[in-house]
Amino acid sequence: MKRIKIWQVLVLLFSVIIMVTSCNKDDEEPELEFEITVPSGWNYNNYYYEDVLRYYAWSPMRVEDDINLVADTIQEDLVIYRNTYEGMNLDMFYIALTADLAQQTNYQTLYSSDTTVNGEDAKKLIHLQTIRIPKSGSSTDSIDLDIKPMKLIFYRDDYGYVMDCGMLIYTYDYYKPIFEEEIVPTFRFRN
């Protein structure tokens, strides 16, 4: 009788171990191909949908806007997305991206240059654009925002990466140094 109980416990324990390890494998997300650090107080998350990766970080709300002396109503953000673009190179991906942006509302290129980030070739783009976002608390109403984002564009292993540093026109001077000096230098691809 004791042998049967011990055997049953061992089988049950073995079954639980197999189930737990197989469940953990199914729940694991693919690992990010890059590392990045955001300042203290910022929040972030990432998700995958099919082959598209999106990393999203957003600034804390400031009680008083240092520029206009009003409360912050929009959080500045960082979006990194990756998508498959086989058979391209950095220049081709950049041209395709800017052609798509030019089709959007009130798009205007302000600055464009070649650059490197931790030894990785990139393109830097600063532009103006009007975007439409849902109005807070409303499912049917929206507002237009004039933004001045800075984008860093990478191409690696058949993937196009865009690091979009989103800023409003009037918060640009405040947030640009945070992006350029604190966030962008921490970005690096894992080898």
Protein backbone atom coordinates (compact mmCIF):
# COMPACT_ATOMS: atom_id res chain seq x y z
CA MET A 1 0.00 0.00 0.00
CA LYS A 2 2.84 2.41 0.87
CA ARG A 3 4.56 1.61 -2.43
CA ILE A 4 1.48 2.59 -4.40
CA LYS A 5 1.10 5.90 -2.54
CA ILE A 6 4.78 6.77 -2.99
CA TRP A 7 4.58 5.83 -6.67
CA GLN A 8 1.40 7.92 -7.11
CA VAL A 9 3.05 10.92 -5.42
CA LEU A 10 6.14 10.58 -7.62
CA VAL A 11 4.03 10.38 -10.79
CA LEU A 12 1.95 13.36 -9.70
CA LEU A 13 5.09 15.37 -8.85
CA PHE A 14 6.72 14.47 -12.17
CA SER A 15 3.53 15.46 -14.06
CA VAL A 16 3.37 18.81 -12.26
CA ILE A 17 7.03 19.56 -13.09
CA ILE A 18 6.47 18.76 -16.77
CA MET A 19 3.29 20.87 -16.89
CA VAL A 20 4.93 23.86 -15.17
CA THR A 21 8.00 23.86 -17.41
CA SER A 22 5.94 23.50 -20.59
CA CYS A 23 3.57 26.29 -19.52
CA ASN A 24 6.48 28.62 -18.84
CA LYS A 25 7.87 28.01 -22.33
CA ASP A 26 4.53 28.95 -23.93
CA ASP A 27 4.24 32.16 -21.89
CA GLU A 28 7.73 33.48 -22.72
CA GLU A 29 7.88 36.42 -25.10
CA PRO A 30 10.68 36.62 -27.62
CA GLU A 31 13.61 38.54 -26.16
CA LEU A 32 14.22 42.11 -27.31
CA GLU A 33 17.14 42.44 -29.75
CA PHE A 34 18.17 45.65 -28.06
CA GLU A 35 18.68 47.23 -24.66
CA ILE A 36 17.52 50.69 -23.65
CA THR A 37 17.15 52.52 -20.36
CA VAL A 38 14.63 55.26 -19.61
CA PRO A 39 14.96 57.82 -16.79
CA SER A 40 13.60 57.19 -13.33
CA GLY A 41 9.87 57.86 -13.18
CA TRP A 42 9.23 56.82 -16.78
CA ASN A 43 7.08 53.76 -17.44
CA TYR A 44 7.49 51.26 -20.27
CA ASN A 45 6.16 48.07 -21.82
CA ASN A 46 6.61 46.09 -25.00
CA TYR A 47 4.59 43.70 -27.06
CA TYR A 48 4.80 41.63 -30.19
CA TYR A 49 2.13 41.15 -32.80
CA GLU A 50 3.14 38.62 -35.42
CA ASP A 51 6.56 39.92 -36.50
CA VAL A 52 6.08 43.52 -35.35
CA LEU A 53 7.76 44.57 -32.12
CA ARG A 54 6.74 47.68 -30.29
CA TYR A 55 8.50 49.08 -27.23
CA TYR A 56 6.70 51.98 -25.57
CA ALA A 57 7.92 54.29 -22.78
CA TRP A 58 6.24 57.43 -21.49
CA SER A 59 7.28 60.33 -19.30
CA PRO A 60 5.70 61.10 -15.94
CA MET A 61 3.14 63.90 -15.85
CA ARG A 62 4.68 67.12 -14.62
CA VAL A 63 2.60 69.21 -12.27
CA GLU A 64 3.83 72.41 -13.86
CA ASP A 65 5.17 72.79 -17.36
CA ASP A 66 8.55 74.54 -17.15
CA ILE A 67 8.00 76.27 -20.46
CA ASN A 68 4.46 77.63 -20.32
CA LEU A 69 3.86 77.43 -16.56
CA VAL A 70 0.78 75.25 -17.03
CA ALA A 71 0.03 71.68 -15.99
CA ASP A 72 1.28 68.95 -18.29
CA THR A 73 -1.63 67.39 -20.18
CA ILE A 74 0.21 65.13 -22.66
CA GLN A 75 2.98 62.71 -21.75
CA GLU A 76 5.97 62.69 -24.04
CA ASP A 77 6.87 59.24 -25.21
CA LEU A 78 9.33 56.92 -26.84
CA VAL A 79 8.14 54.29 -29.29
CA ILE A 80 10.51 51.79 -30.86
CA TYR A 81 9.02 49.59 -33.48
CA ARG A 82 10.53 46.90 -35.61
CA ASN A 83 9.16 45.33 -38.74
CA THR A 84 10.49 43.05 -41.45
CA TYR A 85 11.81 44.81 -44.57
CA GLU A 86 13.78 42.20 -46.46
CA GLY A 87 16.25 43.11 -49.18
CA MET A 88 16.74 46.72 -48.12
CA ASN A 89 19.51 48.71 -46.57
CA LEU A 90 19.43 51.73 -44.25
CA ASP A 91 19.14 54.28 -47.06
CA MET A 92 16.33 52.39 -48.80
CA PHE A 93 14.42 51.94 -45.55
CA TYR A 94 14.82 55.64 -44.71
CA ILE A 95 13.52 56.71 -48.13
CA ALA A 96 10.48 54.43 -47.80
CA LEU A 97 9.76 55.69 -44.27
CA THR A 98 10.02 59.39 -45.14
CA ALA A 99 7.87 58.88 -48.27
CA ASP A 100 5.18 57.37 -46.04
CA LEU A 101 5.48 60.21 -43.51
CA ALA A 102 5.21 62.82 -46.28
CA GLN A 103 1.71 61.50 -47.05
CA GLN A 104 0.51 62.33 -43.53
CA THR A 105 -1.11 65.53 -42.28
CA ASN A 106 1.08 68.65 -42.20
CA TYR A 107 4.37 66.75 -42.35
CA GLN A 108 7.51 68.87 -42.77
CA THR A 109 11.14 67.72 -42.50
CA LEU A 110 13.23 70.09 -40.37
CA TYR A 111 16.50 68.17 -40.09
CA SER A 112 17.97 64.97 -41.47
CA SER A 113 21.46 63.50 -41.11
CA ASP A 114 23.53 60.35 -40.94
CA THR A 115 24.60 59.43 -37.41
CA THR A 116 25.75 56.54 -35.27
CA VAL A 117 24.41 55.28 -31.96
CA ASN A 118 26.85 53.10 -30.04
CA GLY A 119 28.64 52.18 -33.26
CA GLU A 120 25.43 51.39 -35.17
CA ASP A 121 24.74 53.38 -38.37
CA ALA A 122 21.50 55.32 -38.22
CA LYS A 123 19.60 58.21 -39.75
CA LYS A 124 18.35 61.05 -37.59
CA LEU A 125 15.16 62.86 -38.57
CA ILE A 126 13.45 65.78 -36.87
CA HIS A 127 10.13 66.89 -38.33
CA LEU A 128 6.85 68.65 -37.72
CA GLN A 129 3.55 66.86 -37.98
CA THR A 130 -0.06 67.11 -36.88
CA ILE A 131 -1.49 63.97 -35.31
CA ARG A 132 -5.00 63.17 -34.15
CA ILE A 133 -5.45 61.47 -30.79
CA PRO A 134 -8.56 60.49 -28.83
CA LYS A 135 -9.72 63.15 -26.41
CA SER A 136 -9.28 62.05 -22.80
CA GLY A 137 -12.40 60.35 -21.50
CA SER A 138 -14.12 60.26 -24.89
CA SER A 139 -14.59 57.35 -27.26
CA THR A 140 -15.84 59.51 -30.14
CA ASP A 141 -14.05 62.86 -29.85
CA SER A 142 -10.45 63.62 -30.79
CA ILE A 143 -7.98 66.50 -30.81
CA ASP A 144 -5.18 67.49 -33.19
CA LEU A 145 -1.70 67.94 -31.76
CA ASP A 146 1.24 69.67 -33.39
CA ILE A 147 4.29 67.55 -32.62
CA LYS A 148 8.00 67.82 -33.27
CA PRO A 149 9.38 64.29 -32.97
CA MET A 150 12.95 63.18 -33.33
CA LYS A 151 13.39 59.80 -35.01
CA LEU A 152 16.42 57.53 -35.17
CA ILE A 153 16.16 54.98 -37.96
CA PHE A 154 18.16 51.74 -38.07
CA TYR A 155 18.28 48.79 -40.43
CA ARG A 156 19.67 45.46 -39.26
CA ASP A 157 19.26 41.83 -40.34
CA ASP A 158 16.28 42.48 -42.65
CA TYR A 159 14.46 44.55 -40.01
CA GLY A 160 13.75 48.26 -40.01
CA TYR A 161 13.80 49.89 -36.57
CA VAL A 162 12.41 53.32 -35.77
CA MET A 163 13.03 55.00 -32.44
CA ASP A 164 10.40 57.73 -32.29
CA CYS A 165 10.98 60.34 -29.56
CA GLY A 166 7.61 62.10 -29.39
CA MET A 167 7.48 65.70 -28.23
CA LEU A 168 5.00 68.53 -28.58
CA ILE A 169 6.30 71.61 -30.35
CA TYR A 170 6.32 73.65 -27.14
CA THR A 171 7.96 70.88 -25.02
CA TYR A 172 10.66 70.08 -27.58
CA ASP A 173 13.38 72.23 -25.99
CA TYR A 174 12.73 70.68 -22.57
CA TYR A 175 12.61 67.02 -23.67
CA LYS A 176 15.18 66.94 -26.51
CA PRO A 177 18.15 66.85 -24.08
CA ILE A 178 16.46 64.07 -22.07
CA PHE A 179 16.11 61.97 -25.21
CA GLU A 180 19.54 62.84 -26.67
CA GLU A 181 21.61 62.71 -23.48
CA GLU A 182 19.81 60.21 -21.23
CA ILE A 183 17.87 57.75 -23.38
CA VAL A 184 19.37 57.43 -26.89
CA PRO A 185 22.95 56.77 -25.63
CA THR A 186 21.67 53.72 -23.71
CA PHE A 187 20.26 52.09 -26.86
CA ARG A 188 22.33 49.20 -28.16
CA PHE A 189 21.64 46.10 -30.16
CA ARG A 190 22.45 42.80 -28.52
CA ASN A 191 24.81 40.70 -30.60
